[in-house]
Amino acid sequence: MKTVKTLITILFIAFSTIVSAQNKKSEKVVIKTHIICDHCKACETCGKMFQTKMLKIKGVKMYELDDEKETFTIYYNPKKTNVQSIKQAISKLGYDADEIKADPVAYENLDGCCKA
């Protein structure tokens, strides 16, 4: 009987953990940027930078770059970050983020094809 109660308790805890993990909400924001080149996602410099640094922004779970529309779609955890912090981080990568202009030093470090 003790074994059955223990097993039921363990199953209940496991089920509760799975359900609570699925309830973590993420939010989405679309941020306008300014991209000069038409190959940023594939660029040896910018593409790798996006892959490594965008996901290192605290709270960012996933991102999509639409170089035709010149937008970043960011999926993030609102408990860990906010839109303003994400925009600041994008600026530090050398790109405009809505009303926040690209950090001049980071912009100068971009490849020539990515600058006006």
PDB file of N, CA and C in Angstrom:
ATOM      1  N   MET A   1       0.822  -1.196   0.000  1.00  0.00           N
ATOM      2  CA  MET A   1       0.000   0.000   0.000  1.00  0.00           C
ATOM      3  C   MET A   1       0.869   1.264   0.000  1.00  0.00           C
ATOM      4  N   LYS A   2       1.956   1.222   0.800  1.00  0.00           N
ATOM      5  CA  LYS A   2       2.851   2.369   0.832  1.00  0.00           C
ATOM      6  C   LYS A   2       3.480   2.603  -0.533  1.00  0.00           C
ATOM      7  N   THR A   3       3.763   1.521  -1.222  1.00  0.00           N
ATOM      8  CA  THR A   3       4.378   1.624  -2.548  1.00  0.00           C
ATOM      9  C   THR A   3       3.422   2.276  -3.531  1.00  0.00           C
ATOM     10  N   VAL A   4       2.151   1.946  -3.455  1.00  0.00           N
ATOM     11  CA  VAL A   4       1.147   2.523  -4.342  1.00  0.00           C
ATOM     12  C   VAL A   4       1.004   4.007  -4.064  1.00  0.00           C
ATOM     13  N   LYS A   5       0.950   4.390  -2.791  1.00  0.00           N
ATOM     14  CA  LYS A   5       0.847   5.808  -2.435  1.00  0.00           C
ATOM     15  C   LYS A   5       2.080   6.582  -2.909  1.00  0.00           C
ATOM     16  N   THR A   6       3.242   5.994  -2.738  1.00  0.00           N
ATOM     17  CA  THR A   6       4.477   6.633  -3.183  1.00  0.00           C
ATOM     18  C   THR A   6       4.475   6.804  -4.700  1.00  0.00           C
ATOM     19  N   LEU A   7       4.062   5.777  -5.402  1.00  0.00           N
ATOM     20  CA  LEU A   7       4.002   5.825  -6.856  1.00  0.00           C
ATOM     21  C   LEU A   7       3.019   6.889  -7.330  1.00  0.00           C
ATOM     22  N   ILE A   8       1.850   6.959  -6.701  1.00  0.00           N
ATOM     23  CA  ILE A   8       0.849   7.972  -7.061  1.00  0.00           C
ATOM     24  C   ILE A   8       1.395   9.373  -6.784  1.00  0.00           C
ATOM     25  N   THR A   9       2.079   9.554  -5.679  1.00  0.00           N
ATOM     26  CA  THR A   9       2.669  10.848  -5.344  1.00  0.00           C
ATOM     27  C   THR A   9       3.718  11.253  -6.381  1.00  0.00           C
ATOM     28  N   ILE A  10       4.568  10.318  -6.755  1.00  0.00           N
ATOM     29  CA  ILE A  10       5.602  10.604  -7.753  1.00  0.00           C
ATOM     30  C   ILE A  10       4.967  10.960  -9.087  1.00  0.00           C
ATOM     31  N   LEU A  11       3.949  10.219  -9.509  1.00  0.00           N
ATOM     32  CA  LEU A  11       3.267  10.506 -10.764  1.00  0.00           C
ATOM     33  C   LEU A  11       2.585  11.874 -10.724  1.00  0.00           C
ATOM     34  N   PHE A  12       1.973  12.203  -9.601  1.00  0.00           N
ATOM     35  CA  PHE A  12       1.316  13.499  -9.456  1.00  0.00           C
ATOM     36  C   PHE A  12       2.329  14.635  -9.580  1.00  0.00           C
ATOM     37  N   ILE A  13       3.477  14.490  -8.921  1.00  0.00           N
ATOM     38  CA  ILE A  13       4.516  15.523  -8.985  1.00  0.00           C
ATOM     39  C   ILE A  13       5.050  15.653 -10.410  1.00  0.00           C
ATOM     40  N   ALA A  14       5.289  14.527 -11.062  1.00  0.00           N
ATOM     41  CA  ALA A  14       5.792  14.559 -12.440  1.00  0.00           C
ATOM     42  C   ALA A  14       4.784  15.225 -13.367  1.00  0.00           C
ATOM     43  N   PHE A  15       3.513  14.884 -13.240  1.00  0.00           N
ATOM     44  CA  PHE A  15       2.469  15.478 -14.072  1.00  0.00           C
ATOM     45  C   PHE A  15       2.364  16.979 -13.820  1.00  0.00           C
ATOM     46  N   SER A  16       2.414  17.388 -12.567  1.00  0.00           N
ATOM     47  CA  SER A  16       2.341  18.812 -12.220  1.00  0.00           C
ATOM     48  C   SER A  16       3.512  19.584 -12.808  1.00  0.00           C
ATOM     49  N   THR A  17       4.689  18.994 -12.766  1.00  0.00           N
ATOM     50  CA  THR A  17       5.879  19.639 -13.322  1.00  0.00           C
ATOM     51  C   THR A  17       5.742  19.824 -14.825  1.00  0.00           C
ATOM     52  N   ILE A  18       5.255  18.800 -15.515  1.00  0.00           N
ATOM     53  CA  ILE A  18       5.085  18.882 -16.966  1.00  0.00           C
ATOM     54  C   ILE A  18       4.060  19.949 -17.321  1.00  0.00           C
ATOM     55  N   VAL A  19       2.947  19.980 -16.613  1.00  0.00           N
ATOM     56  CA  VAL A  19       1.903  20.960 -16.894  1.00  0.00           C
ATOM     57  C   VAL A  19       2.405  22.377 -16.630  1.00  0.00           C
ATOM     58  N   SER A  20       3.118  22.589 -15.538  1.00  0.00           N
ATOM     59  CA  SER A  20       3.609  23.939 -15.245  1.00  0.00           C
ATOM     60  C   SER A  20       4.670  24.367 -16.240  1.00  0.00           C
ATOM     61  N   ALA A  21       5.476  23.438 -16.730  1.00  0.00           N
ATOM     62  CA  ALA A  21       6.485  23.783 -17.734  1.00  0.00           C
ATOM     63  C   ALA A  21       5.826  24.200 -19.039  1.00  0.00           C
ATOM     64  N   GLN A  22       4.693  23.623 -19.375  1.00  0.00           N
ATOM     65  CA  GLN A  22       3.998  23.970 -20.600  1.00  0.00           C
ATOM     66  C   GLN A  22       3.282  25.305 -20.495  1.00  0.00           C
ATOM     67  N   ASN A  23       3.032  25.781 -19.296  1.00  0.00           N
ATOM     68  CA  ASN A  23       2.316  27.029 -19.102  1.00  0.00           C
ATOM     69  C   ASN A  23       3.214  28.261 -19.167  1.00  0.00           C
ATOM     70  N   LYS A  24       4.512  28.065 -19.336  1.00  0.00           N
ATOM     71  CA  LYS A  24       5.403  29.217 -19.432  1.00  0.00           C
ATOM     72  C   LYS A  24       5.070  29.960 -20.712  1.00  0.00           C
ATOM     73  N   LYS A  25       4.653  31.166 -20.557  1.00  0.00           N
ATOM     74  CA  LYS A  25       4.222  31.974 -21.690  1.00  0.00           C
ATOM     75  C   LYS A  25       5.408  32.706 -22.286  1.00  0.00           C
ATOM     76  N   SER A  26       5.400  32.792 -23.582  1.00  0.00           N
ATOM     77  CA  SER A  26       6.364  33.658 -24.232  1.00  0.00           C
ATOM     78  C   SER A  26       5.571  34.679 -25.035  1.00  0.00           C
ATOM     79  N   GLU A  27       6.170  35.814 -25.204  1.00  0.00           N
ATOM     80  CA  GLU A  27       5.528  36.877 -25.956  1.00  0.00           C
ATOM     81  C   GLU A  27       6.303  37.113 -27.237  1.00  0.00           C
ATOM     82  N   LYS A  28       5.651  37.793 -28.152  1.00  0.00           N
ATOM     83  CA  LYS A  28       6.249  38.061 -29.462  1.00  0.00           C
ATOM     84  C   LYS A  28       6.232  39.556 -29.705  1.00  0.00           C
ATOM     85  N   VAL A  29       7.326  40.045 -30.267  1.00  0.00           N
ATOM     86  CA  VAL A  29       7.399  41.445 -30.648  1.00  0.00           C
ATOM     87  C   VAL A  29       8.068  41.515 -32.023  1.00  0.00           C
ATOM     88  N   VAL A  30       7.582  42.421 -32.849  1.00  0.00           N
ATOM     89  CA  VAL A  30       8.183  42.664 -34.158  1.00  0.00           C
ATOM     90  C   VAL A  30       8.883  44.014 -34.083  1.00  0.00           C
ATOM     91  N   ILE A  31      10.181  43.995 -34.366  1.00  0.00           N
ATOM     92  CA  ILE A  31      11.003  45.196 -34.253  1.00  0.00           C
ATOM     93  C   ILE A  31      11.517  45.564 -35.638  1.00  0.00           C
ATOM     94  N   LYS A  32      11.276  46.793 -36.026  1.00  0.00           N
ATOM     95  CA  LYS A  32      11.734  47.306 -37.321  1.00  0.00           C
ATOM     96  C   LYS A  32      13.214  47.647 -37.229  1.00  0.00           C
ATOM     97  N   THR A  33      13.940  47.263 -38.248  1.00  0.00           N
ATOM     98  CA  THR A  33      15.367  47.564 -38.308  1.00  0.00           C
ATOM     99  C   THR A  33      15.686  48.128 -39.684  1.00  0.00           C
ATOM    100  N   HIS A  34      16.949  48.313 -39.962  1.00  0.00           N
ATOM    101  CA  HIS A  34      17.362  48.804 -41.286  1.00  0.00           C
ATOM    102  C   HIS A  34      18.510  47.912 -41.749  1.00  0.00           C
ATOM    103  N   ILE A  35      18.251  47.124 -42.780  1.00  0.00           N
ATOM    104  CA  ILE A  35      19.246  46.201 -43.300  1.00  0.00           C
ATOM    105  C   ILE A  35      19.584  46.612 -44.721  1.00  0.00           C
ATOM    106  N   ILE A  36      20.860  46.821 -44.973  1.00  0.00           N
ATOM    107  CA  ILE A  36      21.321  47.261 -46.285  1.00  0.00           C
ATOM    108  C   ILE A  36      21.450  46.076 -47.245  1.00  0.00           C
ATOM    109  N   CYS A  37      22.118  45.024 -46.797  1.00  0.00           N
ATOM    110  CA  CYS A  37      22.390  43.911 -47.706  1.00  0.00           C
ATOM    111  C   CYS A  37      21.189  42.980 -47.825  1.00  0.00           C
ATOM    112  N   ASP A  38      21.214  42.140 -48.847  1.00  0.00           N
ATOM    113  CA  ASP A  38      20.101  41.228 -49.069  1.00  0.00           C
ATOM    114  C   ASP A  38      20.444  39.795 -48.670  1.00  0.00           C
ATOM    115  N   HIS A  39      21.535  39.648 -47.955  1.00  0.00           N
ATOM    116  CA  HIS A  39      21.966  38.295 -47.590  1.00  0.00           C
ATOM    117  C   HIS A  39      22.411  38.193 -46.123  1.00  0.00           C
ATOM    118  N   CYS A  40      21.873  39.035 -45.267  1.00  0.00           N
ATOM    119  CA  CYS A  40      22.326  39.071 -43.866  1.00  0.00           C
ATOM    120  C   CYS A  40      22.253  37.711 -43.173  1.00  0.00           C
ATOM    121  N   LYS A  41      21.186  36.968 -43.436  1.00  0.00           N
ATOM    122  CA  LYS A  41      21.053  35.666 -42.777  1.00  0.00           C
ATOM    123  C   LYS A  41      22.163  34.711 -43.190  1.00  0.00           C
ATOM    124  N   ALA A  42      22.651  34.836 -44.432  1.00  0.00           N
ATOM    125  CA  ALA A  42      23.675  33.934 -44.939  1.00  0.00           C
ATOM    126  C   ALA A  42      25.078  34.519 -44.840  1.00  0.00           C
ATOM    127  N   CYS A  43      25.175  35.782 -44.513  1.00  0.00           N
ATOM    128  CA  CYS A  43      26.468  36.467 -44.436  1.00  0.00           C
ATOM    129  C   CYS A  43      27.367  35.770 -43.414  1.00  0.00           C
ATOM    130  N   GLU A  44      28.640  35.594 -43.769  1.00  0.00           N
ATOM    131  CA  GLU A  44      29.567  34.911 -42.861  1.00  0.00           C
ATOM    132  C   GLU A  44      29.708  35.642 -41.531  1.00  0.00           C
ATOM    133  N   THR A  45      29.635  36.942 -41.554  1.00  0.00           N
ATOM    134  CA  THR A  45      29.766  37.706 -40.323  1.00  0.00           C
ATOM    135  C   THR A  45      28.417  37.900 -39.640  1.00  0.00           C
ATOM    136  N   CYS A  46      27.474  38.525 -40.332  1.00  0.00           N
ATOM    137  CA  CYS A  46      26.182  38.863 -39.722  1.00  0.00           C
ATOM    138  C   CYS A  46      25.362  37.622 -39.384  1.00  0.00           C
ATOM    139  N   GLY A  47      25.319  36.676 -40.300  1.00  0.00           N
ATOM    140  CA  GLY A  47      24.542  35.466 -40.059  1.00  0.00           C
ATOM    141  C   GLY A  47      25.000  34.733 -38.820  1.00  0.00           C
ATOM    142  N   LYS A  48      26.319  34.594 -38.672  1.00  0.00           N
ATOM    143  CA  LYS A  48      26.855  33.922 -37.481  1.00  0.00           C
ATOM    144  C   LYS A  48      26.599  34.752 -36.231  1.00  0.00           C
ATOM    145  N   MET A  49      26.697  36.078 -36.377  1.00  0.00           N
ATOM    146  CA  MET A  49      26.446  36.943 -35.231  1.00  0.00           C
ATOM    147  C   MET A  49      24.995  36.793 -34.770  1.00  0.00           C
ATOM    148  N   PHE A  50      24.062  36.789 -35.731  1.00  0.00           N
ATOM    149  CA  PHE A  50      22.653  36.604 -35.366  1.00  0.00           C
ATOM    150  C   PHE A  50      22.463  35.277 -34.642  1.00  0.00           C
ATOM    151  N   GLN A  51      23.039  34.223 -35.187  1.00  0.00           N
ATOM    152  CA  GLN A  51      22.865  32.894 -34.607  1.00  0.00           C
ATOM    153  C   GLN A  51      23.406  32.809 -33.191  1.00  0.00           C
ATOM    154  N   THR A  52      24.532  33.458 -32.939  1.00  0.00           N
ATOM    155  CA  THR A  52      25.132  33.336 -31.612  1.00  0.00           C
ATOM    156  C   THR A  52      24.648  34.405 -30.634  1.00  0.00           C
ATOM    157  N   LYS A  53      24.641  35.647 -31.062  1.00  0.00           N
ATOM    158  CA  LYS A  53      24.377  36.729 -30.110  1.00  0.00           C
ATOM    159  C   LYS A  53      22.900  37.003 -29.847  1.00  0.00           C
ATOM    160  N   MET A  54      22.045  36.793 -30.832  1.00  0.00           N
ATOM    161  CA  MET A  54      20.615  37.073 -30.599  1.00  0.00           C
ATOM    162  C   MET A  54      20.059  36.144 -29.522  1.00  0.00           C
ATOM    163  N   LEU A  55      20.450  34.898 -29.551  1.00  0.00           N
ATOM    164  CA  LEU A  55      19.932  33.956 -28.560  1.00  0.00           C
ATOM    165  C   LEU A  55      20.617  34.079 -27.204  1.00  0.00           C
ATOM    166  N   LYS A  56      21.674  34.881 -27.144  1.00  0.00           N
ATOM    167  CA  LYS A  56      22.324  35.138 -25.857  1.00  0.00           C
ATOM    168  C   LYS A  56      21.694  36.317 -25.130  1.00  0.00           C
ATOM    169  N   ILE A  57      20.813  37.035 -25.796  1.00  0.00           N
ATOM    170  CA  ILE A  57      20.106  38.122 -25.131  1.00  0.00           C
ATOM    171  C   ILE A  57      19.191  37.487 -24.090  1.00  0.00           C
ATOM    172  N   LYS A  58      19.345  37.910 -22.875  1.00  0.00           N
ATOM    173  CA  LYS A  58      18.606  37.305 -21.771  1.00  0.00           C
ATOM    174  C   LYS A  58      17.103  37.299 -22.064  1.00  0.00           C
ATOM    175  N   GLY A  59      16.494  36.119 -21.973  1.00  0.00           N
ATOM    176  CA  GLY A  59      15.058  35.983 -22.144  1.00  0.00           C
ATOM    177  C   GLY A  59      14.606  35.699 -23.562  1.00  0.00           C
ATOM    178  N   VAL A  60      15.484  35.885 -24.552  1.00  0.00           N
ATOM    179  CA  VAL A  60      15.102  35.632 -25.939  1.00  0.00           C
ATOM    180  C   VAL A  60      15.116  34.134 -26.181  1.00  0.00           C
ATOM    181  N   LYS A  61      13.985  33.624 -26.653  1.00  0.00           N
ATOM    182  CA  LYS A  61      13.856  32.192 -26.910  1.00  0.00           C
ATOM    183  C   LYS A  61      14.113  31.866 -28.376  1.00  0.00           C
ATOM    184  N   MET A  62      13.644  32.739 -29.258  1.00  0.00           N
ATOM    185  CA  MET A  62      13.767  32.496 -30.683  1.00  0.00           C
ATOM    186  C   MET A  62      13.640  33.830 -31.404  1.00  0.00           C
ATOM    187  N   TYR A  63      14.219  33.904 -32.587  1.00  0.00           N
ATOM    188  CA  TYR A  63      14.082  35.113 -33.388  1.00  0.00           C
ATOM    189  C   TYR A  63      13.973  34.725 -34.853  1.00  0.00           C
ATOM    190  N   GLU A  64      13.394  35.607 -35.622  1.00  0.00           N
ATOM    191  CA  GLU A  64      13.327  35.456 -37.072  1.00  0.00           C
ATOM    192  C   GLU A  64      13.718  36.794 -37.676  1.00  0.00           C
ATOM    193  N   LEU A  65      14.564  36.738 -38.677  1.00  0.00           N
ATOM    194  CA  LEU A  65      14.948  37.945 -39.401  1.00  0.00           C
ATOM    195  C   LEU A  65      14.290  37.899 -40.763  1.00  0.00           C
ATOM    196  N   ASP A  66      13.526  38.922 -41.068  1.00  0.00           N
ATOM    197  CA  ASP A  66      12.919  39.046 -42.391  1.00  0.00           C
ATOM    198  C   ASP A  66      13.642  40.195 -43.075  1.00  0.00           C
ATOM    199  N   ASP A  67      14.615  39.846 -43.927  1.00  0.00           N
ATOM    200  CA  ASP A  67      15.413  40.908 -44.536  1.00  0.00           C
ATOM    201  C   ASP A  67      14.650  41.682 -45.605  1.00  0.00           C
ATOM    202  N   GLU A  68      13.581  41.124 -46.136  1.00  0.00           N
ATOM    203  CA  GLU A  68      12.765  41.874 -47.097  1.00  0.00           C
ATOM    204  C   GLU A  68      11.933  42.946 -46.399  1.00  0.00           C
ATOM    205  N   LYS A  69      11.317  42.590 -45.290  1.00  0.00           N
ATOM    206  CA  LYS A  69      10.506  43.547 -44.533  1.00  0.00           C
ATOM    207  C   LYS A  69      11.356  44.357 -43.557  1.00  0.00           C
ATOM    208  N   GLU A  70      12.617  43.957 -43.398  1.00  0.00           N
ATOM    209  CA  GLU A  70      13.536  44.588 -42.460  1.00  0.00           C
ATOM    210  C   GLU A  70      12.983  44.575 -41.033  1.00  0.00           C
ATOM    211  N   THR A  71      12.634  43.382 -40.585  1.00  0.00           N
ATOM    212  CA  THR A  71      12.114  43.235 -39.228  1.00  0.00           C
ATOM    213  C   THR A  71      12.740  42.042 -38.526  1.00  0.00           C
ATOM    214  N   PHE A  72      12.832  42.150 -37.217  1.00  0.00           N
ATOM    215  CA  PHE A  72      13.141  41.029 -36.345  1.00  0.00           C
ATOM    216  C   PHE A  72      11.837  40.657 -35.660  1.00  0.00           C
ATOM    217  N   THR A  73      11.484  39.400 -35.668  1.00  0.00           N
ATOM    218  CA  THR A  73      10.381  38.915 -34.844  1.00  0.00           C
ATOM    219  C   THR A  73      11.037  38.155 -33.712  1.00  0.00           C
ATOM    220  N   ILE A  74      10.808  38.616 -32.504  1.00  0.00           N
ATOM    221  CA  ILE A  74      11.473  38.066 -31.328  1.00  0.00           C
ATOM    222  C   ILE A  74      10.432  37.405 -30.434  1.00  0.00           C
ATOM    223  N   TYR A  75      10.713  36.187 -30.025  1.00  0.00           N
ATOM    224  CA  TYR A  75       9.894  35.470 -29.049  1.00  0.00           C
ATOM    225  C   TYR A  75      10.707  35.453 -27.760  1.00  0.00           C
ATOM    226  N   TYR A  76      10.121  35.958 -26.687  1.00  0.00           N
ATOM    227  CA  TYR A  76      10.889  36.128 -25.456  1.00  0.00           C
ATOM    228  C   TYR A  76      10.044  35.809 -24.224  1.00  0.00           C
ATOM    229  N   ASN A  77      10.746  35.607 -23.129  1.00  0.00           N
ATOM    230  CA  ASN A  77      10.112  35.349 -21.844  1.00  0.00           C
ATOM    231  C   ASN A  77       9.978  36.689 -21.115  1.00  0.00           C
ATOM    232  N   PRO A  78       8.749  37.180 -20.929  1.00  0.00           N
ATOM    233  CA  PRO A  78       8.563  38.493 -20.297  1.00  0.00           C
ATOM    234  C   PRO A  78       8.959  38.528 -18.821  1.00  0.00           C
ATOM    235  N   LYS A  79       9.169  37.370 -18.223  1.00  0.00           N
ATOM    236  CA  LYS A  79       9.626  37.348 -16.833  1.00  0.00           C
ATOM    237  C   LYS A  79      11.133  37.598 -16.745  1.00  0.00           C
ATOM    238  N   LYS A  80      11.833  37.428 -17.875  1.00  0.00           N
ATOM    239  CA  LYS A  80      13.278  37.590 -17.875  1.00  0.00           C
ATOM    240  C   LYS A  80      13.763  38.853 -18.567  1.00  0.00           C
ATOM    241  N   THR A  81      12.938  39.422 -19.438  1.00  0.00           N
ATOM    242  CA  THR A  81      13.366  40.608 -20.173  1.00  0.00           C
ATOM    243  C   THR A  81      12.150  41.404 -20.616  1.00  0.00           C
ATOM    244  N   ASN A  82      12.402  42.526 -21.264  1.00  0.00           N
ATOM    245  CA  ASN A  82      11.314  43.335 -21.802  1.00  0.00           C
ATOM    246  C   ASN A  82      11.727  43.857 -23.179  1.00  0.00           C
ATOM    247  N   VAL A  83      10.796  44.442 -23.873  1.00  0.00           N
ATOM    248  CA  VAL A  83      11.035  44.890 -25.247  1.00  0.00           C
ATOM    249  C   VAL A  83      12.154  45.931 -25.302  1.00  0.00           C
ATOM    250  N   GLN A  84      12.179  46.841 -24.363  1.00  0.00           N
ATOM    251  CA  GLN A  84      13.210  47.888 -24.362  1.00  0.00           C
ATOM    252  C   GLN A  84      14.608  47.280 -24.237  1.00  0.00           C
ATOM    253  N   SER A  85      14.779  46.290 -23.384  1.00  0.00           N
ATOM    254  CA  SER A  85      16.086  45.633 -23.224  1.00  0.00           C
ATOM    255  C   SER A  85      16.499  44.907 -24.493  1.00  0.00           C
ATOM    256  N   ILE A  86      15.545  44.292 -25.154  1.00  0.00           N
ATOM    257  CA  ILE A  86      15.837  43.594 -26.410  1.00  0.00           C
ATOM    258  C   ILE A  86      16.274  44.596 -27.472  1.00  0.00           C
ATOM    259  N   LYS A  87      15.569  45.722 -27.555  1.00  0.00           N
ATOM    260  CA  LYS A  87      15.946  46.758 -28.525  1.00  0.00           C
ATOM    261  C   LYS A  87      17.352  47.284 -28.251  1.00  0.00           C
ATOM    262  N   GLN A  88      17.678  47.491 -26.998  1.00  0.00           N
ATOM    263  CA  GLN A  88      19.020  47.970 -26.636  1.00  0.00           C
ATOM    264  C   GLN A  88      20.074  46.947 -27.058  1.00  0.00           C
ATOM    265  N   ALA A  89      19.790  45.670 -26.857  1.00  0.00           N
ATOM    266  CA  ALA A  89      20.739  44.614 -27.220  1.00  0.00           C
ATOM    267  C   ALA A  89      20.930  44.552 -28.737  1.00  0.00           C
ATOM    268  N   ILE A  90      19.861  44.725 -29.496  1.00  0.00           N
ATOM    269  CA  ILE A  90      19.967  44.741 -30.960  1.00  0.00           C
ATOM    270  C   ILE A  90      20.800  45.939 -31.404  1.00  0.00           C
ATOM    271  N   SER A  91      20.602  47.073 -30.767  1.00  0.00           N
ATOM    272  CA  SER A  91      21.389  48.261 -31.070  1.00  0.00           C
ATOM    273  C   SER A  91      22.880  48.005 -30.845  1.00  0.00           C
ATOM    274  N   LYS A  92      23.201  47.280 -29.790  1.00  0.00           N
ATOM    275  CA  LYS A  92      24.596  46.968 -29.480  1.00  0.00           C
ATOM    276  C   LYS A  92      25.204  45.990 -30.479  1.00  0.00           C
ATOM    277  N   LEU A  93      24.360  45.346 -31.288  1.00  0.00           N
ATOM    278  CA  LEU A  93      24.856  44.477 -32.360  1.00  0.00           C
ATOM    279  C   LEU A  93      25.168  45.292 -33.623  1.00  0.00           C
ATOM    280  N   GLY A  94      24.724  46.552 -33.646  1.00  0.00           N
ATOM    281  CA  GLY A  94      25.009  47.424 -34.785  1.00  0.00           C
ATOM    282  C   GLY A  94      23.816  47.685 -35.682  1.00  0.00           C
ATOM    283  N   TYR A  95      22.620  47.364 -35.213  1.00  0.00           N
ATOM    284  CA  TYR A  95      21.411  47.523 -36.017  1.00  0.00           C
ATOM    285  C   TYR A  95      20.404  48.421 -35.314  1.00  0.00           C
ATOM    286  N   ASP A  96      19.639  49.161 -36.105  1.00  0.00           N
ATOM    287  CA  ASP A  96      18.542  49.950 -35.545  1.00  0.00           C
ATOM    288  C   ASP A  96      17.492  49.001 -34.997  1.00  0.00           C
ATOM    289  N   ALA A  97      16.793  49.446 -33.981  1.00  0.00           N
ATOM    290  CA  ALA A  97      15.711  48.675 -33.386  1.00  0.00           C
ATOM    291  C   ALA A  97      14.577  49.646 -33.074  1.00  0.00           C
ATOM    292  N   ASP A  98      13.652  49.773 -34.018  1.00  0.00           N
ATOM    293  CA  ASP A  98      12.572  50.759 -33.941  1.00  0.00           C
ATOM    294  C   ASP A  98      13.176  52.149 -33.758  1.00  0.00           C
ATOM    295  N   GLU A  99      12.844  52.819 -32.663  1.00  0.00           N
ATOM    296  CA  GLU A  99      13.305  54.191 -32.441  1.00  0.00           C
ATOM    297  C   GLU A  99      14.747  54.271 -31.928  1.00  0.00           C
ATOM    298  N   ILE A 100      15.328  53.155 -31.543  1.00  0.00           N
ATOM    299  CA  ILE A 100      16.695  53.152 -31.020  1.00  0.00           C
ATOM    300  C   ILE A 100      17.675  52.934 -32.171  1.00  0.00           C
ATOM    301  N   LYS A 101      18.552  53.882 -32.363  1.00  0.00           N
ATOM    302  CA  LYS A 101      19.533  53.814 -33.440  1.00  0.00           C
ATOM    303  C   LYS A 101      20.651  52.832 -33.076  1.00  0.00           C
ATOM    304  N   ALA A 102      21.284  52.303 -34.095  1.00  0.00           N
ATOM    305  CA  ALA A 102      22.393  51.367 -33.904  1.00  0.00           C
ATOM    306  C   ALA A 102      23.535  52.034 -33.149  1.00  0.00           C
ATOM    307  N   ASP A 103      24.149  51.281 -32.273  1.00  0.00           N
ATOM    308  CA  ASP A 103      25.328  51.757 -31.564  1.00  0.00           C
ATOM    309  C   ASP A 103      26.409  52.055 -32.609  1.00  0.00           C
ATOM    310  N   PRO A 104      26.961  53.280 -32.623  1.00  0.00           N
ATOM    311  CA  PRO A 104      27.918  53.663 -33.674  1.00  0.00           C
ATOM    312  C   PRO A 104      29.166  52.770 -33.726  1.00  0.00           C
ATOM    313  N   VAL A 105      29.676  52.362 -32.583  1.00  0.00           N
ATOM    314  CA  VAL A 105      30.865  51.512 -32.554  1.00  0.00           C
ATOM    315  C   VAL A 105      30.541  50.131 -33.126  1.00  0.00           C
ATOM    316  N   ALA A 106      29.420  49.562 -32.723  1.00  0.00           N
ATOM    317  CA  ALA A 106      29.013  48.249 -33.236  1.00  0.00           C
ATOM    318  C   ALA A 106      28.731  48.333 -34.729  1.00  0.00           C
ATOM    319  N   TYR A 107      28.115  49.429 -35.163  1.00  0.00           N
ATOM    320  CA  TYR A 107      27.823  49.610 -36.580  1.00  0.00           C
ATOM    321  C   TYR A 107      29.109  49.617 -37.402  1.00  0.00           C
ATOM    322  N   GLU A 108      30.121  50.291 -36.918  1.00  0.00           N
ATOM    323  CA  GLU A 108      31.396  50.359 -37.635  1.00  0.00           C
ATOM    324  C   GLU A 108      32.064  48.992 -37.738  1.00  0.00           C
ATOM    325  N   ASN A 109      31.760  48.081 -36.827  1.00  0.00           N
ATOM    326  CA  ASN A 109      32.351  46.741 -36.850  1.00  0.00           C
ATOM    327  C   ASN A 109      31.639  45.791 -37.804  1.00  0.00           C
ATOM    328  N   LEU A 110      30.505  46.206 -38.380  1.00  0.00           N
ATOM    329  CA  LEU A 110      29.800  45.352 -39.336  1.00  0.00           C
ATOM    330  C   LEU A 110      30.586  45.273 -40.643  1.00  0.00           C
ATOM    331  N   ASP A 111      30.347  44.215 -41.414  1.00  0.00           N
ATOM    332  CA  ASP A 111      30.954  44.101 -42.740  1.00  0.00           C
ATOM    333  C   ASP A 111      30.520  45.273 -43.612  1.00  0.00           C
ATOM    334  N   GLY A 112      31.321  45.609 -44.592  1.00  0.00           N
ATOM    335  CA  GLY A 112      31.030  46.710 -45.501  1.00  0.00           C
ATOM    336  C   GLY A 112      29.712  46.546 -46.221  1.00  0.00           C
ATOM    337  N   CYS A 113      29.324  45.301 -46.542  1.00  0.00           N
ATOM    338  CA  CYS A 113      28.060  45.077 -47.261  1.00  0.00           C
ATOM    339  C   CYS A 113      26.848  45.396 -46.389  1.00  0.00           C
ATOM    340  N   CYS A 114      27.059  45.496 -45.100  1.00  0.00           N
ATOM    341  CA  CYS A 114      25.936  45.731 -44.183  1.00  0.00           C
ATOM    342  C   CYS A 114      25.799  47.194 -43.785  1.00  0.00           C
ATOM    343  N   LYS A 115      26.656  48.050 -44.338  1.00  0.00           N
ATOM    344  CA  LYS A 115      26.611  49.472 -44.016  1.00  0.00           C
ATOM    345  C   LYS A 115      26.213  50.279 -45.235  1.00  0.00           C
ATOM    346  N   ALA A 116      25.549  51.408 -44.984  1.00  0.00           N
ATOM    347  CA  ALA A 116      25.129  52.283 -46.084  1.00  0.00           C
ATOM    348  C   ALA A 116      26.298  53.024 -46.666  1.00  0.00           C
TER     349      ALA A 116
END
